[in-house]
Amino acid sequence: MKDHSVLATIKQDIANHLGQKVTLKANAGRRKIVVNEGILENVYSSIFVVRLVNDNKTAVTYSYSDVLTKTVQLVFV
């Protein structure tokens, strides 16, 4: 029950920053960390979408559980 409220809090916090610039730090496996900058484009019920700044055609999606498990770290600029 506690995890549900934590995920709801994470979702609301991310939704509050919709349209803002964000720095993503994602774990790509095997000790690889990928750092990207983008704009928080959409928020859905189970995922959020970030449009990368360096390439307008590329968007990445992550789930809120990725933020909870610290697979993805977001820094709002």
PDB file of N, CA and C in Angstrom:
ATOM      1  N   MET A   1       0.810  -1.186   0.000  1.00  0.00           N
ATOM      2  CA  MET A   1       0.000   0.000   0.000  1.00  0.00           C
ATOM      3  C   MET A   1       0.858   1.256   0.000  1.00  0.00           C
ATOM      4  N   LYS A   2       1.983   1.190   0.703  1.00  0.00           N
ATOM      5  CA  LYS A   2       2.862   2.349   0.783  1.00  0.00           C
ATOM      6  C   LYS A   2       3.489   2.649  -0.579  1.00  0.00           C
ATOM      7  N   ASP A   3       3.847   1.613  -1.356  1.00  0.00           N
ATOM      8  CA  ASP A   3       4.454   1.818  -2.664  1.00  0.00           C
ATOM      9  C   ASP A   3       3.518   2.558  -3.603  1.00  0.00           C
ATOM     10  N   HIS A   4       2.216   2.292  -3.502  1.00  0.00           N
ATOM     11  CA  HIS A   4       1.244   2.958  -4.371  1.00  0.00           C
ATOM     12  C   HIS A   4       1.245   4.462  -4.118  1.00  0.00           C
ATOM     13  N   SER A   5       1.308   4.872  -2.871  1.00  0.00           N
ATOM     14  CA  SER A   5       1.304   6.298  -2.567  1.00  0.00           C
ATOM     15  C   SER A   5       2.620   6.946  -2.986  1.00  0.00           C
ATOM     16  N   VAL A   6       3.711   6.214  -2.902  1.00  0.00           N
ATOM     17  CA  VAL A   6       5.010   6.745  -3.341  1.00  0.00           C
ATOM     18  C   VAL A   6       5.001   6.941  -4.857  1.00  0.00           C
ATOM     19  N   LEU A   7       4.478   5.971  -5.595  1.00  0.00           N
ATOM     20  CA  LEU A   7       4.393   6.099  -7.054  1.00  0.00           C
ATOM     21  C   LEU A   7       3.474   7.246  -7.450  1.00  0.00           C
ATOM     22  N   ALA A   8       2.381   7.434  -6.723  1.00  0.00           N
ATOM     23  CA  ALA A   8       1.464   8.543  -7.005  1.00  0.00           C
ATOM     24  C   ALA A   8       2.148   9.885  -6.758  1.00  0.00           C
ATOM     25  N   THR A   9       2.967   9.940  -5.724  1.00  0.00           N
ATOM     26  CA  THR A   9       3.709  11.163  -5.424  1.00  0.00           C
ATOM     27  C   THR A   9       4.740  11.454  -6.517  1.00  0.00           C
ATOM     28  N   ILE A  10       5.439  10.418  -6.968  1.00  0.00           N
ATOM     29  CA  ILE A  10       6.421  10.583  -8.045  1.00  0.00           C
ATOM     30  C   ILE A  10       5.730  11.051  -9.319  1.00  0.00           C
ATOM     31  N   LYS A  11       4.597  10.437  -9.647  1.00  0.00           N
ATOM     32  CA  LYS A  11       3.849  10.815 -10.852  1.00  0.00           C
ATOM     33  C   LYS A  11       3.393  12.268 -10.778  1.00  0.00           C
ATOM     34  N   GLN A  12       2.876  12.691  -9.640  1.00  0.00           N
ATOM     35  CA  GLN A  12       2.408  14.064  -9.485  1.00  0.00           C
ATOM     36  C   GLN A  12       3.559  15.053  -9.569  1.00  0.00           C
ATOM     37  N   ASP A  13       4.693  14.708  -8.981  1.00  0.00           N
ATOM     38  CA  ASP A  13       5.863  15.587  -9.024  1.00  0.00           C
ATOM     39  C   ASP A  13       6.355  15.759 -10.460  1.00  0.00           C
ATOM     40  N   ILE A  14       6.391  14.683 -11.217  1.00  0.00           N
ATOM     41  CA  ILE A  14       6.821  14.757 -12.613  1.00  0.00           C
ATOM     42  C   ILE A  14       5.795  15.542 -13.434  1.00  0.00           C
ATOM     43  N   ALA A  15       4.515  15.319 -13.191  1.00  0.00           N
ATOM     44  CA  ALA A  15       3.461  16.027 -13.919  1.00  0.00           C
ATOM     45  C   ALA A  15       3.519  17.533 -13.658  1.00  0.00           C
ATOM     46  N   ASN A  16       3.960  17.941 -12.486  1.00  0.00           N
ATOM     47  CA  ASN A  16       4.074  19.363 -12.163  1.00  0.00           C
ATOM     48  C   ASN A  16       5.143  20.059 -12.991  1.00  0.00           C
ATOM     49  N   HIS A  17       6.070  19.304 -13.561  1.00  0.00           N
ATOM     50  CA  HIS A  17       7.169  19.868 -14.345  1.00  0.00           C
ATOM     51  C   HIS A  17       6.972  19.670 -15.846  1.00  0.00           C
ATOM     52  N   LEU A  18       5.767  19.401 -16.276  1.00  0.00           N
ATOM     53  CA  LEU A  18       5.467  19.168 -17.687  1.00  0.00           C
ATOM     54  C   LEU A  18       5.881  20.378 -18.524  1.00  0.00           C
ATOM     55  N   GLY A  19       6.621  20.126 -19.592  1.00  0.00           N
ATOM     56  CA  GLY A  19       7.082  21.197 -20.476  1.00  0.00           C
ATOM     57  C   GLY A  19       8.414  21.810 -20.071  1.00  0.00           C
ATOM     58  N   GLN A  20       8.979  21.391 -18.973  1.00  0.00           N
ATOM     59  CA  GLN A  20      10.238  21.951 -18.500  1.00  0.00           C
ATOM     60  C   GLN A  20      11.422  21.122 -18.977  1.00  0.00           C
ATOM     61  N   LYS A  21      12.575  21.762 -18.955  1.00  0.00           N
ATOM     62  CA  LYS A  21      13.815  21.100 -19.333  1.00  0.00           C
ATOM     63  C   LYS A  21      14.258  20.177 -18.206  1.00  0.00           C
ATOM     64  N   VAL A  22      14.774  19.000 -18.598  1.00  0.00           N
ATOM     65  CA  VAL A  22      15.156  17.991 -17.611  1.00  0.00           C
ATOM     66  C   VAL A  22      16.465  17.329 -18.050  1.00  0.00           C
ATOM     67  N   THR A  23      17.277  16.967 -17.081  1.00  0.00           N
ATOM     68  CA  THR A  23      18.476  16.173 -17.334  1.00  0.00           C
ATOM     69  C   THR A  23      18.207  14.762 -16.835  1.00  0.00           C
ATOM     70  N   LEU A  24      18.394  13.796 -17.722  1.00  0.00           N
ATOM     71  CA  LEU A  24      18.156  12.385 -17.402  1.00  0.00           C
ATOM     72  C   LEU A  24      19.473  11.683 -17.183  1.00  0.00           C
ATOM     73  N   LYS A  25      19.526  10.881 -16.155  1.00  0.00           N
ATOM     74  CA  LYS A  25      20.674  10.025 -15.915  1.00  0.00           C
ATOM     75  C   LYS A  25      20.116   8.614 -15.806  1.00  0.00           C
ATOM     76  N   ALA A  26      20.361   7.786 -16.826  1.00  0.00           N
ATOM     77  CA  ALA A  26      19.741   6.464 -16.882  1.00  0.00           C
ATOM     78  C   ALA A  26      20.798   5.373 -16.846  1.00  0.00           C
ATOM     79  N   ASN A  27      20.486   4.304 -16.150  1.00  0.00           N
ATOM     80  CA  ASN A  27      21.342   3.135 -16.085  1.00  0.00           C
ATOM     81  C   ASN A  27      21.089   2.295 -17.334  1.00  0.00           C
ATOM     82  N   ALA A  28      22.108   2.109 -18.163  1.00  0.00           N
ATOM     83  CA  ALA A  28      21.973   1.351 -19.403  1.00  0.00           C
ATOM     84  C   ALA A  28      22.494  -0.069 -19.256  1.00  0.00           C
ATOM     85  N   GLY A  29      22.789  -0.495 -18.066  1.00  0.00           N
ATOM     86  CA  GLY A  29      23.270  -1.855 -17.832  1.00  0.00           C
ATOM     87  C   GLY A  29      24.778  -1.957 -17.968  1.00  0.00           C
ATOM     88  N   ARG A  30      25.306  -2.993 -17.374  1.00  0.00           N
ATOM     89  CA  ARG A  30      26.750  -3.266 -17.422  1.00  0.00           C
ATOM     90  C   ARG A  30      27.610  -2.049 -17.097  1.00  0.00           C
ATOM     91  N   ARG A  31      27.233  -1.386 -16.048  1.00  0.00           N
ATOM     92  CA  ARG A  31      27.965  -0.218 -15.541  1.00  0.00           C
ATOM     93  C   ARG A  31      28.019   0.943 -16.520  1.00  0.00           C
ATOM     94  N   LYS A  32      27.026   1.051 -17.382  1.00  0.00           N
ATOM     95  CA  LYS A  32      26.948   2.166 -18.322  1.00  0.00           C
ATOM     96  C   LYS A  32      25.863   3.133 -17.863  1.00  0.00           C
ATOM     97  N   ILE A  33      26.210   4.389 -17.813  1.00  0.00           N
ATOM     98  CA  ILE A  33      25.271   5.438 -17.438  1.00  0.00           C
ATOM     99  C   ILE A  33      25.124   6.371 -18.646  1.00  0.00           C
ATOM    100  N   VAL A  34      23.879   6.626 -19.042  1.00  0.00           N
ATOM    101  CA  VAL A  34      23.591   7.509 -20.177  1.00  0.00           C
ATOM    102  C   VAL A  34      23.022   8.801 -19.614  1.00  0.00           C
ATOM    103  N   VAL A  35      23.595   9.933 -20.030  1.00  0.00           N
ATOM    104  CA  VAL A  35      23.120  11.238 -19.588  1.00  0.00           C
ATOM    105  C   VAL A  35      22.590  11.982 -20.810  1.00  0.00           C
ATOM    106  N   ASN A  36      21.334  12.431 -20.735  1.00  0.00           N
ATOM    107  CA  ASN A  36      20.695  13.174 -21.822  1.00  0.00           C
ATOM    108  C   ASN A  36      19.970  14.378 -21.254  1.00  0.00           C
ATOM    109  N   GLU A  37      19.789  15.377 -22.113  1.00  0.00           N
ATOM    110  CA  GLU A  37      18.961  16.522 -21.760  1.00  0.00           C
ATOM    111  C   GLU A  37      17.769  16.553 -22.685  1.00  0.00           C
ATOM    112  N   GLY A  38      16.632  16.935 -22.145  1.00  0.00           N
ATOM    113  CA  GLY A  38      15.431  16.990 -22.959  1.00  0.00           C
ATOM    114  C   GLY A  38      14.351  17.808 -22.292  1.00  0.00           C
ATOM    115  N   ILE A  39      13.163  17.741 -22.889  1.00  0.00           N
ATOM    116  CA  ILE A  39      12.006  18.455 -22.376  1.00  0.00           C
ATOM    117  C   ILE A  39      10.936  17.423 -22.042  1.00  0.00           C
ATOM    118  N   LEU A  40      10.382  17.519 -20.858  1.00  0.00           N
ATOM    119  CA  LEU A  40       9.325  16.616 -20.437  1.00  0.00           C
ATOM    120  C   LEU A  40       8.087  16.905 -21.278  1.00  0.00           C
ATOM    121  N   GLU A  41       7.773  15.987 -22.183  1.00  0.00           N
ATOM    122  CA  GLU A  41       6.749  16.247 -23.188  1.00  0.00           C
ATOM    123  C   GLU A  41       5.356  15.780 -22.779  1.00  0.00           C
ATOM    124  N   ASN A  42       5.212  14.547 -22.306  1.00  0.00           N
ATOM    125  CA  ASN A  42       3.908  13.999 -21.951  1.00  0.00           C
ATOM    126  C   ASN A  42       4.005  13.164 -20.687  1.00  0.00           C
ATOM    127  N   VAL A  43       2.900  13.095 -19.983  1.00  0.00           N
ATOM    128  CA  VAL A  43       2.782  12.265 -18.792  1.00  0.00           C
ATOM    129  C   VAL A  43       1.543  11.401 -18.973  1.00  0.00           C
ATOM    130  N   TYR A  44       1.729  10.102 -18.879  1.00  0.00           N
ATOM    131  CA  TYR A  44       0.626   9.158 -19.003  1.00  0.00           C
ATOM    132  C   TYR A  44       0.454   8.405 -17.698  1.00  0.00           C
ATOM    133  N   SER A  45      -0.488   7.474 -17.668  1.00  0.00           N
ATOM    134  CA  SER A  45      -0.797   6.784 -16.415  1.00  0.00           C
ATOM    135  C   SER A  45       0.351   5.922 -15.895  1.00  0.00           C
ATOM    136  N   SER A  46       1.141   5.331 -16.798  1.00  0.00           N
ATOM    137  CA  SER A  46       2.220   4.470 -16.314  1.00  0.00           C
ATOM    138  C   SER A  46       3.605   4.861 -16.824  1.00  0.00           C
ATOM    139  N   ILE A  47       3.687   5.798 -17.775  1.00  0.00           N
ATOM    140  CA  ILE A  47       4.977   6.232 -18.319  1.00  0.00           C
ATOM    141  C   ILE A  47       4.998   7.743 -18.504  1.00  0.00           C
ATOM    142  N   PHE A  48       6.209   8.274 -18.713  1.00  0.00           N
ATOM    143  CA  PHE A  48       6.362   9.667 -19.111  1.00  0.00           C
ATOM    144  C   PHE A  48       7.326   9.727 -20.286  1.00  0.00           C
ATOM    145  N   VAL A  49       7.184  10.768 -21.118  1.00  0.00           N
ATOM    146  CA  VAL A  49       7.941  10.897 -22.354  1.00  0.00           C
ATOM    147  C   VAL A  49       8.816  12.142 -22.270  1.00  0.00           C
ATOM    148  N   VAL A  50      10.087  11.971 -22.646  1.00  0.00           N
ATOM    149  CA  VAL A  50      11.031  13.086 -22.694  1.00  0.00           C
ATOM    150  C   VAL A  50      11.551  13.197 -24.116  1.00  0.00           C
ATOM    151  N   ARG A  51      11.372  14.370 -24.747  1.00  0.00           N
ATOM    152  CA  ARG A  51      11.891  14.643 -26.085  1.00  0.00           C
ATOM    153  C   ARG A  51      13.304  15.173 -25.925  1.00  0.00           C
ATOM    154  N   LEU A  52      14.277  14.486 -26.529  1.00  0.00           N
ATOM    155  CA  LEU A  52      15.684  14.863 -26.370  1.00  0.00           C
ATOM    156  C   LEU A  52      15.978  16.161 -27.104  1.00  0.00           C
ATOM    157  N   VAL A  53      16.808  17.014 -26.485  1.00  0.00           N
ATOM    158  CA  VAL A  53      17.125  18.326 -27.040  1.00  0.00           C
ATOM    159  C   VAL A  53      18.033  18.210 -28.254  1.00  0.00           C
ATOM    160  N   ASN A  54      19.001  17.298 -28.210  1.00  0.00           N
ATOM    161  CA  ASN A  54      19.981  17.217 -29.292  1.00  0.00           C
ATOM    162  C   ASN A  54      19.406  16.626 -30.569  1.00  0.00           C
ATOM    163  N   ASP A  55      18.252  15.944 -30.487  1.00  0.00           N
ATOM    164  CA  ASP A  55      17.628  15.359 -31.665  1.00  0.00           C
ATOM    165  C   ASP A  55      16.120  15.454 -31.498  1.00  0.00           C
ATOM    166  N   ASN A  56      15.467  16.341 -32.269  1.00  0.00           N
ATOM    167  CA  ASN A  56      14.031  16.572 -32.119  1.00  0.00           C
ATOM    168  C   ASN A  56      13.187  15.352 -32.458  1.00  0.00           C
ATOM    169  N   LYS A  57      13.734  14.409 -33.214  1.00  0.00           N
ATOM    170  CA  LYS A  57      12.955  13.247 -33.612  1.00  0.00           C
ATOM    171  C   LYS A  57      13.016  12.118 -32.591  1.00  0.00           C
ATOM    172  N   THR A  58      13.884  12.225 -31.628  1.00  0.00           N
ATOM    173  CA  THR A  58      14.066  11.151 -30.663  1.00  0.00           C
ATOM    174  C   THR A  58      13.358  11.474 -29.355  1.00  0.00           C
ATOM    175  N   ALA A  59      12.572  10.517 -28.901  1.00  0.00           N
ATOM    176  CA  ALA A  59      11.915  10.629 -27.602  1.00  0.00           C
ATOM    177  C   ALA A  59      12.200   9.345 -26.829  1.00  0.00           C
ATOM    178  N   VAL A  60      12.347   9.480 -25.536  1.00  0.00           N
ATOM    179  CA  VAL A  60      12.553   8.320 -24.682  1.00  0.00           C
ATOM    180  C   VAL A  60      11.410   8.249 -23.680  1.00  0.00           C
ATOM    181  N   THR A  61      11.037   7.037 -23.307  1.00  0.00           N
ATOM    182  CA  THR A  61       9.972   6.841 -22.331  1.00  0.00           C
ATOM    183  C   THR A  61      10.506   6.035 -21.158  1.00  0.00           C
ATOM    184  N   TYR A  62      10.031   6.390 -19.988  1.00  0.00           N
ATOM    185  CA  TYR A  62      10.393   5.680 -18.773  1.00  0.00           C
ATOM    186  C   TYR A  62       9.148   5.522 -17.912  1.00  0.00           C
ATOM    187  N   SER A  63       9.154   4.529 -17.062  1.00  0.00           N
ATOM    188  CA  SER A  63       8.037   4.335 -16.143  1.00  0.00           C
ATOM    189  C   SER A  63       8.366   5.009 -14.808  1.00  0.00           C
ATOM    190  N   TYR A  64       7.330   5.230 -14.029  1.00  0.00           N
ATOM    191  CA  TYR A  64       7.523   5.848 -12.721  1.00  0.00           C
ATOM    192  C   TYR A  64       8.263   4.906 -11.777  1.00  0.00           C
ATOM    193  N   SER A  65       8.137   3.614 -11.997  1.00  0.00           N
ATOM    194  CA  SER A  65       8.871   2.659 -11.166  1.00  0.00           C
ATOM    195  C   SER A  65      10.367   2.723 -11.443  1.00  0.00           C
ATOM    196  N   ASP A  66      10.768   3.170 -12.661  1.00  0.00           N
ATOM    197  CA  ASP A  66      12.189   3.390 -12.942  1.00  0.00           C
ATOM    198  C   ASP A  66      12.751   4.483 -12.041  1.00  0.00           C
ATOM    199  N   VAL A  67      11.963   5.505 -11.787  1.00  0.00           N
ATOM    200  CA  VAL A  67      12.389   6.582 -10.895  1.00  0.00           C
ATOM    201  C   VAL A  67      12.428   6.073  -9.456  1.00  0.00           C
ATOM    202  N   LEU A  68      11.434   5.272  -9.091  1.00  0.00           N
ATOM    203  CA  LEU A  68      11.369   4.721  -7.739  1.00  0.00           C
ATOM    204  C   LEU A  68      12.569   3.826  -7.432  1.00  0.00           C
ATOM    205  N   THR A  69      12.963   2.989  -8.391  1.00  0.00           N
ATOM    206  CA  THR A  69      14.084   2.074  -8.188  1.00  0.00           C
ATOM    207  C   THR A  69      15.435   2.711  -8.512  1.00  0.00           C
ATOM    208  N   LYS A  70      15.418   3.977  -8.876  1.00  0.00           N
ATOM    209  CA  LYS A  70      16.615   4.764  -9.182  1.00  0.00           C
ATOM    210  C   LYS A  70      17.370   4.256 -10.405  1.00  0.00           C
ATOM    211  N   THR A  71      16.645   3.613 -11.317  1.00  0.00           N
ATOM    212  CA  THR A  71      17.219   3.262 -12.620  1.00  0.00           C
ATOM    213  C   THR A  71      17.359   4.527 -13.453  1.00  0.00           C
ATOM    214  N   VAL A  72      16.451   5.490 -13.230  1.00  0.00           N
ATOM    215  CA  VAL A  72      16.474   6.774 -13.906  1.00  0.00           C
ATOM    216  C   VAL A  72      16.446   7.865 -12.837  1.00  0.00           C
ATOM    217  N   GLN A  73      17.297   8.854 -13.000  1.00  0.00           N
ATOM    218  CA  GLN A  73      17.302  10.007 -12.110  1.00  0.00           C
ATOM    219  C   GLN A  73      16.983  11.237 -12.938  1.00  0.00           C
ATOM    220  N   LEU A  74      16.082  12.067 -12.445  1.00  0.00           N
ATOM    221  CA  LEU A  74      15.676  13.287 -13.135  1.00  0.00           C
ATOM    222  C   LEU A  74      16.156  14.497 -12.347  1.00  0.00           C
ATOM    223  N   VAL A  75      16.693  15.470 -13.082  1.00  0.00           N
ATOM    224  CA  VAL A  75      17.064  16.756 -12.480  1.00  0.00           C
ATOM    225  C   VAL A  75      16.384  17.811 -13.331  1.00  0.00           C
ATOM    226  N   PHE A  76      15.458  18.557 -12.714  1.00  0.00           N
ATOM    227  CA  PHE A  76      14.736  19.612 -13.437  1.00  0.00           C
ATOM    228  C   PHE A  76      15.562  20.872 -13.448  1.00  0.00           C
ATOM    229  N   VAL A  77      15.722  21.444 -14.628  1.00  0.00           N
ATOM    230  CA  VAL A  77      16.567  22.627 -14.804  1.00  0.00           C
ATOM    231  C   VAL A  77      15.723  23.882 -14.699  1.00  0.00           C
TER     232      VAL A  77
END
